[in-house]
Amino acid sequence: MKLLLKCTAAALMAAGTLASGAIAPVAAQAVAGIGVADQRRAVVESSAFVSANNARPTTYKAQYDAAQAKSNQIRQQLEPLVNKFNTDVQAPNAQQNQAALQQQLSQIQQLREQGSQEVQEILQPVALSEAYVLEQISDKFDQAVRQAMAKRKVSIVLEAGATLARADGYDITKDITAELNALIPSAQLVPPQGWLPRQQREAQAAQQAAQGQARPATPAAQQPEGR
């Protein structure tokens, strides 16, 4: 049984903790052999994830500063355009100038999209760092879960979000985090040159394999007949 870490760098970087719609735990005696865990919380509370998050703003300060500068530049470009559009929309002749208003709106949207793309490109090294750290932790997650299960004498673990109600005694999230801390106390923050997240690597490998299968076999060179 392979346990998969079902969370992305973007979700993990979202502010706040994962909201839970579970009913408040009821007082009940825990059934032996069953555990519940929050995968996301187990990871974001691990030492490797926390230390990487704390170090990233310093390591990638140049990228953060450049992204902020680009955002400010785009905001300055957009402000007069948005102000003019808002004024023109409220003008008495707005109905007769729909074409011009649509052109203004298209220009604003295009500038916003282009600016957002430029900011994302600047922050691409940061996104790769987030994915790299998460992948290192993910590689140890299966082992951490199994070790926590063994210590708590649990034979099955359910995702916390899939339970309607549970007693606190079932939760082994902190146990998994403790095992992660032992297995990977810290993670490498900066990925190697040319590194890509696993999903992209697997996609590239699949594409190369498909291209290899589609390529026709080269016929063997005909050997000259002997005299």
C-alpha atoms as a PDB file:
ATOM      1  CA  MET A   1       0.000   0.000   0.000  1.00  0.00           C
ATOM      2  CA  LYS A   2       1.529   3.260  -1.150  1.00  0.00           C
ATOM      3  CA  LEU A   3       0.557   6.421   0.684  1.00  0.00           C
ATOM      4  CA  LEU A   4       0.562   9.548  -1.444  1.00  0.00           C
ATOM      5  CA  LEU A   5       0.963  13.099  -0.170  1.00  0.00           C
ATOM      6  CA  LYS A   6      -2.073  14.721  -1.735  1.00  0.00           C
ATOM      7  CA  CYS A   7      -1.196  18.377  -1.406  1.00  0.00           C
ATOM      8  CA  THR A   8       0.491  21.012  -3.603  1.00  0.00           C
ATOM      9  CA  ALA A   9       2.998  23.765  -2.808  1.00  0.00           C
ATOM     10  CA  ALA A  10       0.392  26.368  -3.561  1.00  0.00           C
ATOM     11  CA  ALA A  11      -2.131  24.833  -1.107  1.00  0.00           C
ATOM     12  CA  LEU A  12       0.503  24.462   1.567  1.00  0.00           C
ATOM     13  CA  MET A  13       1.542  28.089   1.251  1.00  0.00           C
ATOM     14  CA  ALA A  14      -2.038  29.321   1.701  1.00  0.00           C
ATOM     15  CA  ALA A  15      -2.516  31.378   4.867  1.00  0.00           C
ATOM     16  CA  GLY A  16      -4.244  29.815   7.833  1.00  0.00           C
ATOM     17  CA  THR A  17      -5.008  26.246   8.697  1.00  0.00           C
ATOM     18  CA  LEU A  18      -7.221  23.927   6.701  1.00  0.00           C
ATOM     19  CA  ALA A  19     -10.837  24.514   7.617  1.00  0.00           C
ATOM     20  CA  SER A  20     -12.673  21.481   8.915  1.00  0.00           C
ATOM     21  CA  GLY A  21     -16.376  20.902   8.704  1.00  0.00           C
ATOM     22  CA  ALA A  22     -16.242  17.990  11.108  1.00  0.00           C
ATOM     23  CA  ILE A  23     -18.659  17.831  13.990  1.00  0.00           C
ATOM     24  CA  ALA A  24     -17.066  18.461  17.365  1.00  0.00           C
ATOM     25  CA  PRO A  25     -15.447  15.250  18.667  1.00  0.00           C
ATOM     26  CA  VAL A  26     -17.707  13.213  20.897  1.00  0.00           C
ATOM     27  CA  ALA A  27     -16.600  11.556  24.063  1.00  0.00           C
ATOM     28  CA  ALA A  28     -16.106   7.912  23.149  1.00  0.00           C
ATOM     29  CA  GLN A  29     -13.654   5.146  23.757  1.00  0.00           C
ATOM     30  CA  ALA A  30     -11.266   4.791  20.848  1.00  0.00           C
ATOM     31  CA  VAL A  31     -11.378   1.567  18.865  1.00  0.00           C
ATOM     32  CA  ALA A  32      -7.956  -0.069  18.754  1.00  0.00           C
ATOM     33  CA  GLY A  33      -6.307  -0.289  15.363  1.00  0.00           C
ATOM     34  CA  ILE A  34      -7.876   2.815  13.785  1.00  0.00           C
ATOM     35  CA  GLY A  35      -6.210   6.198  13.401  1.00  0.00           C
ATOM     36  CA  VAL A  36      -7.014   9.546  11.792  1.00  0.00           C
ATOM     37  CA  ALA A  37      -4.483  12.016  10.409  1.00  0.00           C
ATOM     38  CA  ASP A  38      -4.404  15.378   8.648  1.00  0.00           C
ATOM     39  CA  GLN A  39      -1.754  15.011   5.927  1.00  0.00           C
ATOM     40  CA  ARG A  40      -1.467  18.731   5.326  1.00  0.00           C
ATOM     41  CA  ARG A  41      -1.015  19.615   8.989  1.00  0.00           C
ATOM     42  CA  ALA A  42       1.500  16.814   9.492  1.00  0.00           C
ATOM     43  CA  VAL A  43       3.657  18.344   6.753  1.00  0.00           C
ATOM     44  CA  VAL A  44       3.311  22.072   7.443  1.00  0.00           C
ATOM     45  CA  GLU A  45       4.121  21.552  11.117  1.00  0.00           C
ATOM     46  CA  SER A  46       7.248  19.504  10.367  1.00  0.00           C
ATOM     47  CA  SER A  47      10.648  20.991  11.134  1.00  0.00           C
ATOM     48  CA  ALA A  48      11.816  20.707   7.531  1.00  0.00           C
ATOM     49  CA  PHE A  49       8.832  22.601   6.152  1.00  0.00           C
ATOM     50  CA  VAL A  50       8.861  25.306   8.839  1.00  0.00           C
ATOM     51  CA  SER A  51      12.602  25.949   8.608  1.00  0.00           C
ATOM     52  CA  ALA A  52      12.448  26.130   4.806  1.00  0.00           C
ATOM     53  CA  ASN A  53       9.592  28.642   4.961  1.00  0.00           C
ATOM     54  CA  ASN A  54      11.537  30.764   7.415  1.00  0.00           C
ATOM     55  CA  ALA A  55      14.707  30.717   5.316  1.00  0.00           C
ATOM     56  CA  ARG A  56      13.121  31.265   1.894  1.00  0.00           C
ATOM     57  CA  PRO A  57      12.462  35.046   2.196  1.00  0.00           C
ATOM     58  CA  THR A  58      16.164  35.608   2.849  1.00  0.00           C
ATOM     59  CA  THR A  59      17.490  33.198   0.226  1.00  0.00           C
ATOM     60  CA  TYR A  60      15.143  34.511  -2.459  1.00  0.00           C
ATOM     61  CA  LYS A  61      15.069  38.139  -1.375  1.00  0.00           C
ATOM     62  CA  ALA A  62      16.112  39.336  -4.833  1.00  0.00           C
ATOM     63  CA  GLN A  63      13.171  37.553  -6.445  1.00  0.00           C
ATOM     64  CA  TYR A  64      10.694  38.820  -3.860  1.00  0.00           C
ATOM     65  CA  ASP A  65      11.953  42.387  -4.222  1.00  0.00           C
ATOM     66  CA  ALA A  66      11.850  42.207  -8.026  1.00  0.00           C
ATOM     67  CA  ALA A  67       8.319  40.824  -7.952  1.00  0.00           C
ATOM     68  CA  GLN A  68       7.196  43.604  -5.609  1.00  0.00           C
ATOM     69  CA  ALA A  69       8.795  46.230  -7.832  1.00  0.00           C
ATOM     70  CA  LYS A  70       7.090  44.784 -10.889  1.00  0.00           C
ATOM     71  CA  SER A  71       3.738  44.732  -9.075  1.00  0.00           C
ATOM     72  CA  ASN A  72       4.160  48.382  -8.100  1.00  0.00           C
ATOM     73  CA  GLN A  73       5.051  49.286 -11.676  1.00  0.00           C
ATOM     74  CA  ILE A  74       1.968  47.535 -13.033  1.00  0.00           C
ATOM     75  CA  ARG A  75      -0.227  49.200 -10.427  1.00  0.00           C
ATOM     76  CA  GLN A  76       1.085  52.610 -11.467  1.00  0.00           C
ATOM     77  CA  GLN A  77       0.363  51.814 -15.109  1.00  0.00           C
ATOM     78  CA  LEU A  78      -3.127  50.566 -14.361  1.00  0.00           C
ATOM     79  CA  GLU A  79      -4.257  53.322 -12.012  1.00  0.00           C
ATOM     80  CA  PRO A  80      -4.769  56.107 -14.594  1.00  0.00           C
ATOM     81  CA  LEU A  81      -6.366  53.665 -17.048  1.00  0.00           C
ATOM     82  CA  VAL A  82      -8.812  52.385 -14.441  1.00  0.00           C
ATOM     83  CA  ASN A  83      -9.636  55.898 -13.271  1.00  0.00           C
ATOM     84  CA  LYS A  84     -10.325  57.034 -16.829  1.00  0.00           C
ATOM     85  CA  PHE A  85     -12.471  53.973 -17.503  1.00  0.00           C
ATOM     86  CA  ASN A  86     -14.538  54.556 -14.362  1.00  0.00           C
ATOM     87  CA  THR A  87     -15.023  58.203 -15.308  1.00  0.00           C
ATOM     88  CA  ASP A  88     -16.007  57.387 -18.883  1.00  0.00           C
ATOM     89  CA  VAL A  89     -18.466  54.710 -17.770  1.00  0.00           C
ATOM     90  CA  GLN A  90     -20.354  57.297 -15.690  1.00  0.00           C
ATOM     91  CA  ALA A  91     -20.326  59.928 -18.419  1.00  0.00           C
ATOM     92  CA  PRO A  92     -23.690  60.963 -19.926  1.00  0.00           C
ATOM     93  CA  ASN A  93     -22.644  59.674 -23.366  1.00  0.00           C
ATOM     94  CA  ALA A  94     -21.413  56.304 -22.072  1.00  0.00           C
ATOM     95  CA  GLN A  95     -24.074  54.394 -24.003  1.00  0.00           C
ATOM     96  CA  GLN A  96     -22.863  55.887 -27.279  1.00  0.00           C
ATOM     97  CA  ASN A  97     -19.217  55.047 -26.503  1.00  0.00           C
ATOM     98  CA  GLN A  98     -19.545  51.327 -25.826  1.00  0.00           C
ATOM     99  CA  ALA A  99     -16.898  50.413 -28.383  1.00  0.00           C
ATOM    100  CA  ALA A 100     -14.363  52.803 -26.854  1.00  0.00           C
ATOM    101  CA  LEU A 101     -15.182  51.588 -23.341  1.00  0.00           C
ATOM    102  CA  GLN A 102     -14.739  47.978 -24.403  1.00  0.00           C
ATOM    103  CA  GLN A 103     -11.371  48.837 -25.905  1.00  0.00           C
ATOM    104  CA  GLN A 104     -10.303  50.492 -22.651  1.00  0.00           C
ATOM    105  CA  LEU A 105     -11.446  47.496 -20.641  1.00  0.00           C
ATOM    106  CA  SER A 106      -9.592  45.099 -22.922  1.00  0.00           C
ATOM    107  CA  GLN A 107      -6.413  47.148 -22.528  1.00  0.00           C
ATOM    108  CA  ILE A 108      -6.739  47.041 -18.720  1.00  0.00           C
ATOM    109  CA  GLN A 109      -7.350  43.281 -18.676  1.00  0.00           C
ATOM    110  CA  GLN A 110      -4.474  42.618 -21.040  1.00  0.00           C
ATOM    111  CA  LEU A 111      -2.090  44.700 -18.945  1.00  0.00           C
ATOM    112  CA  ARG A 112      -3.198  42.920 -15.763  1.00  0.00           C
ATOM    113  CA  GLU A 113      -2.739  39.467 -17.286  1.00  0.00           C
ATOM    114  CA  GLN A 114       0.642  40.363 -18.733  1.00  0.00           C
ATOM    115  CA  GLY A 115       1.772  41.808 -15.411  1.00  0.00           C
ATOM    116  CA  SER A 116       0.596  38.763 -13.491  1.00  0.00           C
ATOM    117  CA  GLN A 117       2.506  36.503 -15.858  1.00  0.00           C
ATOM    118  CA  GLU A 118       5.669  38.582 -15.474  1.00  0.00           C
ATOM    119  CA  VAL A 119       5.411  38.434 -11.681  1.00  0.00           C
ATOM    120  CA  GLN A 120       4.960  34.660 -11.809  1.00  0.00           C
ATOM    121  CA  GLU A 121       8.026  34.321 -14.019  1.00  0.00           C
ATOM    122  CA  ILE A 122      10.071  36.354 -11.548  1.00  0.00           C
ATOM    123  CA  LEU A 123       8.877  34.138  -8.684  1.00  0.00           C
ATOM    124  CA  GLN A 124       9.440  30.886 -10.585  1.00  0.00           C
ATOM    125  CA  PRO A 125      12.600  30.062  -8.571  1.00  0.00           C
ATOM    126  CA  VAL A 126      10.557  30.506  -5.384  1.00  0.00           C
ATOM    127  CA  ALA A 127       7.843  28.165  -6.670  1.00  0.00           C
ATOM    128  CA  LEU A 128      10.474  25.561  -7.565  1.00  0.00           C
ATOM    129  CA  SER A 129      11.958  25.854  -4.085  1.00  0.00           C
ATOM    130  CA  GLU A 130       8.544  25.264  -2.526  1.00  0.00           C
ATOM    131  CA  ALA A 131       7.961  22.211  -4.733  1.00  0.00           C
ATOM    132  CA  TYR A 132      11.467  20.880  -4.047  1.00  0.00           C
ATOM    133  CA  VAL A 133      11.072  21.063  -0.285  1.00  0.00           C
ATOM    134  CA  LEU A 134       7.636  19.489  -0.440  1.00  0.00           C
ATOM    135  CA  GLU A 135       8.909  16.635  -2.610  1.00  0.00           C
ATOM    136  CA  GLN A 136      11.726  15.864  -0.173  1.00  0.00           C
ATOM    137  CA  ILE A 137       9.218  15.648   2.660  1.00  0.00           C
ATOM    138  CA  SER A 138       6.812  13.653   0.512  1.00  0.00           C
ATOM    139  CA  ASP A 139       9.526  11.070  -0.139  1.00  0.00           C
ATOM    140  CA  LYS A 140       9.654  10.386   3.620  1.00  0.00           C
ATOM    141  CA  PHE A 141       5.937  10.674   4.310  1.00  0.00           C
ATOM    142  CA  ASP A 142       5.051   7.035   3.642  1.00  0.00           C
ATOM    143  CA  GLN A 143       7.756   5.817   6.012  1.00  0.00           C
ATOM    144  CA  ALA A 144       6.735   8.348   8.668  1.00  0.00           C
ATOM    145  CA  VAL A 145       3.119   7.166   8.544  1.00  0.00           C
ATOM    146  CA  ARG A 146       4.087   3.511   8.831  1.00  0.00           C
ATOM    147  CA  GLN A 147       6.393   4.189  11.773  1.00  0.00           C
ATOM    148  CA  ALA A 148       3.689   6.198  13.531  1.00  0.00           C
ATOM    149  CA  MET A 149       1.206   3.410  12.883  1.00  0.00           C
ATOM    150  CA  ALA A 150       3.569   0.841  14.361  1.00  0.00           C
ATOM    151  CA  LYS A 151       4.194   2.878  17.506  1.00  0.00           C
ATOM    152  CA  ARG A 152       0.513   3.633  18.025  1.00  0.00           C
ATOM    153  CA  LYS A 153      -0.456   0.043  17.082  1.00  0.00           C
ATOM    154  CA  VAL A 154      -2.700   1.293  14.300  1.00  0.00           C
ATOM    155  CA  SER A 155      -3.544  -0.855  11.285  1.00  0.00           C
ATOM    156  CA  ILE A 156      -5.589   1.663   9.279  1.00  0.00           C
ATOM    157  CA  VAL A 157      -5.367   5.459   8.997  1.00  0.00           C
ATOM    158  CA  LEU A 158      -8.172   7.652   7.645  1.00  0.00           C
ATOM    159  CA  GLU A 159      -7.778  11.171   6.283  1.00  0.00           C
ATOM    160  CA  ALA A 160      -9.148  13.636   8.832  1.00  0.00           C
ATOM    161  CA  GLY A 161     -11.375  15.336   6.276  1.00  0.00           C
ATOM    162  CA  ALA A 162     -13.124  12.065   5.497  1.00  0.00           C
ATOM    163  CA  THR A 163     -14.426  11.561   9.045  1.00  0.00           C
ATOM    164  CA  LEU A 164     -17.692  12.994  10.322  1.00  0.00           C
ATOM    165  CA  ALA A 165     -16.807  12.856  14.019  1.00  0.00           C
ATOM    166  CA  ARG A 166     -14.068  11.276  16.083  1.00  0.00           C
ATOM    167  CA  ALA A 167     -12.531  11.218  19.525  1.00  0.00           C
ATOM    168  CA  ASP A 168      -9.184  12.947  20.021  1.00  0.00           C
ATOM    169  CA  GLY A 169      -7.550   9.632  20.780  1.00  0.00           C
ATOM    170  CA  TYR A 170      -7.758   8.601  17.139  1.00  0.00           C
ATOM    171  CA  ASP A 171      -5.641  11.506  15.846  1.00  0.00           C
ATOM    172  CA  ILE A 172      -2.047  10.477  15.023  1.00  0.00           C
ATOM    173  CA  THR A 173      -1.143  13.642  13.079  1.00  0.00           C
ATOM    174  CA  LYS A 174       1.413  14.785  15.648  1.00  0.00           C
ATOM    175  CA  ASP A 175       2.908  11.287  15.712  1.00  0.00           C
ATOM    176  CA  ILE A 176       3.455  11.451  11.953  1.00  0.00           C
ATOM    177  CA  THR A 177       5.019  14.898  12.272  1.00  0.00           C
ATOM    178  CA  ALA A 178       7.367  13.594  14.950  1.00  0.00           C
ATOM    179  CA  GLU A 179       8.447  10.770  12.650  1.00  0.00           C
ATOM    180  CA  LEU A 180       8.997  13.233   9.810  1.00  0.00           C
ATOM    181  CA  ASN A 181      11.163  15.362  12.071  1.00  0.00           C
ATOM    182  CA  ALA A 182      13.315  12.333  12.820  1.00  0.00           C
ATOM    183  CA  LEU A 183      13.537  11.183   9.200  1.00  0.00           C
ATOM    184  CA  ILE A 184      14.130  14.607   7.617  1.00  0.00           C
ATOM    185  CA  PRO A 185      15.062  17.265  10.212  1.00  0.00           C
ATOM    186  CA  SER A 186      15.728  19.784   7.440  1.00  0.00           C
ATOM    187  CA  ALA A 187      15.293  19.982   3.690  1.00  0.00           C
ATOM    188  CA  GLN A 188      17.499  21.428   0.984  1.00  0.00           C
ATOM    189  CA  LEU A 189      16.018  24.790   0.070  1.00  0.00           C
ATOM    190  CA  VAL A 190      17.522  25.444  -3.377  1.00  0.00           C
ATOM    191  CA  PRO A 191      16.899  22.765  -6.020  1.00  0.00           C
ATOM    192  CA  PRO A 192      19.707  21.604  -8.318  1.00  0.00           C
ATOM    193  CA  GLN A 193      20.126  23.340 -11.654  1.00  0.00           C
ATOM    194  CA  GLY A 194      17.520  22.128 -14.110  1.00  0.00           C
ATOM    195  CA  TRP A 195      15.419  20.353 -11.469  1.00  0.00           C
ATOM    196  CA  LEU A 196      11.714  19.884 -12.217  1.00  0.00           C
ATOM    197  CA  PRO A 197       8.899  18.689  -9.941  1.00  0.00           C
ATOM    198  CA  ARG A 198       8.093  14.979 -10.104  1.00  0.00           C
ATOM    199  CA  GLN A 199       4.865  15.503 -12.034  1.00  0.00           C
ATOM    200  CA  GLN A 200       6.704  17.346 -14.794  1.00  0.00           C
ATOM    201  CA  ARG A 201       9.522  14.791 -14.844  1.00  0.00           C
ATOM    202  CA  GLU A 202       7.043  11.944 -15.194  1.00  0.00           C
ATOM    203  CA  ALA A 203       5.165  13.800 -17.944  1.00  0.00           C
ATOM    204  CA  GLN A 204       8.398  14.354 -19.854  1.00  0.00           C
ATOM    205  CA  ALA A 205       9.387  10.695 -19.446  1.00  0.00           C
ATOM    206  CA  ALA A 206       5.977   9.558 -20.690  1.00  0.00           C
ATOM    207  CA  GLN A 207       6.201  11.886 -23.685  1.00  0.00           C
ATOM    208  CA  GLN A 208       9.682  10.649 -24.554  1.00  0.00           C
ATOM    209  CA  ALA A 209       8.540   7.031 -24.239  1.00  0.00           C
ATOM    210  CA  ALA A 210       5.572   7.701 -26.495  1.00  0.00           C
ATOM    211  CA  GLN A 211       7.791   9.382 -29.065  1.00  0.00           C
ATOM    212  CA  GLY A 212      10.166   6.440 -28.942  1.00  0.00           C
ATOM    213  CA  GLN A 213       7.362   3.967 -29.594  1.00  0.00           C
ATOM    214  CA  ALA A 214       5.963   6.057 -32.431  1.00  0.00           C
ATOM    215  CA  ARG A 215       9.332   6.363 -34.182  1.00  0.00           C
ATOM    216  CA  PRO A 216       9.622   3.723 -36.947  1.00  0.00           C
ATOM    217  CA  ALA A 217      12.441   1.235 -36.618  1.00  0.00           C
ATOM    218  CA  THR A 218      15.465   1.925 -38.809  1.00  0.00           C
ATOM    219  CA  PRO A 219      16.019  -1.002 -41.197  1.00  0.00           C
ATOM    220  CA  ALA A 220      19.328  -2.763 -40.847  1.00  0.00           C
ATOM    221  CA  ALA A 221      21.894  -1.948 -43.488  1.00  0.00           C
ATOM    222  CA  GLN A 222      22.010  -4.584 -46.220  1.00  0.00           C
ATOM    223  CA  GLN A 223      25.229  -6.549 -46.158  1.00  0.00           C
ATOM    224  CA  PRO A 224      27.032  -6.954 -49.505  1.00  0.00           C
ATOM    225  CA  GLU A 225      26.845 -10.439 -50.935  1.00  0.00           C
ATOM    226  CA  GLY A 226      30.080 -12.388 -50.989  1.00  0.00           C
ATOM    227  CA  ARG A 227      31.598 -13.453 -54.248  1.00  0.00           C
END
